[in-house]
Amino acid sequence: IHGDNAILNFPGVAASSAAGGSSAAGGAEAAAAAPAEPKRTSAFRGVSRRYGNGRWKARIKQHGTDVVIGDFDDEEEAARAYDARARQIHGDNAILNFPNSS
């Protein structure tokens, strides 16, 4: 629409790449230049990543209050801690990350 006069959010990226057309070389350069970011979200219920230390936090709501279960080095470990607390609070009605494990 704006041609060569377009103001880009990422000036180092060619206009054709920003518009969706990508060349093999341009895509590889962009991927190599950008450092890999750590995973910020979790696939598990009640688990999130702490920004300060990068550890995984497990938490659950109990009586409308957010209760932090703990910090964990492993995402799955945090999810299993969430499941244990959910079973304590909700019993058989708990929605779990690993419903088939005991």
Protein backbone atom coordinates (compact mmCIF):
# COMPACT_ATOMS: atom_id res chain seq x y z
CA ILE A 1 0.00 0.00 0.00
CA HIS A 2 2.71 2.49 1.00
CA GLY A 3 5.54 1.09 -1.14
CA ASP A 4 9.06 2.22 -0.34
CA ASN A 5 7.73 4.98 1.97
CA ALA A 6 6.20 2.47 4.43
CA ILE A 7 7.26 2.84 8.07
CA LEU A 8 8.16 -0.61 9.34
CA ASN A 9 8.13 -1.92 12.91
CA PHE A 10 11.25 -3.93 12.10
CA PRO A 11 13.45 -1.78 9.86
CA GLY A 12 16.07 -4.53 9.43
CA VAL A 13 13.52 -6.82 7.75
CA ALA A 14 12.99 -6.39 4.03
CA ALA A 15 9.55 -5.12 3.02
CA SER A 16 8.86 -8.29 1.01
CA SER A 17 9.51 -10.41 4.11
CA ALA A 18 7.29 -8.21 6.28
CA ALA A 19 4.50 -8.46 3.72
CA GLY A 20 4.52 -12.24 3.89
CA GLY A 21 6.81 -13.08 0.98
CA SER A 22 9.92 -14.71 2.34
CA SER A 23 13.06 -15.79 0.69
CA ALA A 24 15.01 -18.76 1.94
CA ALA A 25 18.03 -16.62 2.78
CA GLY A 26 16.03 -13.84 4.44
CA GLY A 27 14.12 -16.27 6.65
CA ALA A 28 17.28 -18.08 7.71
CA GLU A 29 19.06 -14.83 8.53
CA ALA A 30 16.14 -13.57 10.61
CA ALA A 31 15.91 -16.87 12.49
CA ALA A 32 19.65 -16.98 13.14
CA ALA A 33 19.80 -13.36 14.30
CA ALA A 34 16.99 -13.66 16.86
CA PRO A 35 17.99 -15.39 20.11
CA ALA A 36 15.69 -18.19 21.21
CA GLU A 37 13.33 -17.02 23.93
CA PRO A 38 12.48 -19.34 26.81
CA LYS A 39 8.99 -20.79 26.82
CA ARG A 40 6.74 -18.36 28.71
CA THR A 41 3.47 -20.24 28.82
CA SER A 42 2.57 -23.70 29.98
CA ALA A 43 0.32 -26.30 28.43
CA PHE A 44 -0.71 -27.33 31.95
CA ARG A 45 -3.51 -25.99 34.11
CA GLY A 46 -2.33 -23.96 37.10
CA VAL A 47 1.26 -23.64 35.89
CA SER A 48 3.05 -20.50 34.71
CA ARG A 49 6.61 -19.33 34.30
CA ARG A 50 8.07 -16.81 36.72
CA TYR A 51 9.70 -13.87 34.94
CA GLY A 52 12.38 -13.18 37.54
CA ASN A 53 13.99 -16.58 37.90
CA GLY A 54 12.51 -18.59 35.02
CA ARG A 55 11.20 -21.33 37.30
CA TRP A 56 7.72 -22.84 36.96
CA LYS A 57 5.07 -21.72 39.46
CA ALA A 58 2.10 -23.88 40.42
CA ARG A 59 -0.97 -22.16 41.86
CA ILE A 60 -4.65 -22.83 42.41
CA LYS A 61 -7.70 -20.86 43.50
CA GLN A 62 -9.11 -21.81 46.89
CA HIS A 63 -12.14 -19.94 48.23
CA GLY A 64 -11.50 -17.16 45.69
CA THR A 65 -7.89 -16.70 46.80
CA ASP A 66 -4.89 -17.48 44.63
CA VAL A 67 -2.76 -19.99 46.55
CA VAL A 68 0.82 -20.50 45.36
CA ILE A 69 1.73 -24.17 45.68
CA GLY A 70 5.41 -23.63 44.95
CA ASP A 71 8.21 -23.02 42.46
CA PHE A 72 9.64 -25.89 40.46
CA ASP A 73 12.53 -26.38 38.06
CA ASP A 74 10.43 -28.64 35.82
CA GLU A 75 7.10 -27.71 34.20
CA GLU A 76 5.68 -31.23 34.58
CA GLU A 77 6.69 -31.35 38.26
CA ALA A 78 4.71 -28.14 38.83
CA ALA A 79 1.71 -29.65 37.00
CA ARG A 80 1.82 -32.75 39.20
CA ALA A 81 1.97 -30.57 42.33
CA TYR A 82 -1.10 -28.71 41.04
CA ASP A 83 -2.89 -32.05 40.55
CA ALA A 84 -2.09 -33.15 44.12
CA ARG A 85 -3.49 -29.92 45.60
CA ALA A 86 -6.52 -30.01 43.28
CA ARG A 87 -7.32 -33.54 44.54
CA GLN A 88 -7.06 -32.29 48.15
CA ILE A 89 -9.40 -29.37 47.51
CA HIS A 90 -11.89 -30.77 45.00
CA GLY A 91 -11.66 -34.53 45.50
CA ASP A 92 -13.20 -36.56 42.66
CA ASN A 93 -14.44 -33.36 40.97
CA ALA A 94 -10.91 -32.01 40.43
CA ILE A 95 -9.91 -31.11 36.87
CA LEU A 96 -6.42 -32.55 36.52
CA ASN A 97 -3.49 -32.27 34.16
CA PHE A 98 -2.86 -36.01 34.41
CA PRO A 99 -6.26 -37.59 35.09
CA ASN A 100 -5.06 -41.17 34.55
CA SER A 101 -2.25 -41.06 37.09
CA SER A 102 -2.91 -41.84 40.73
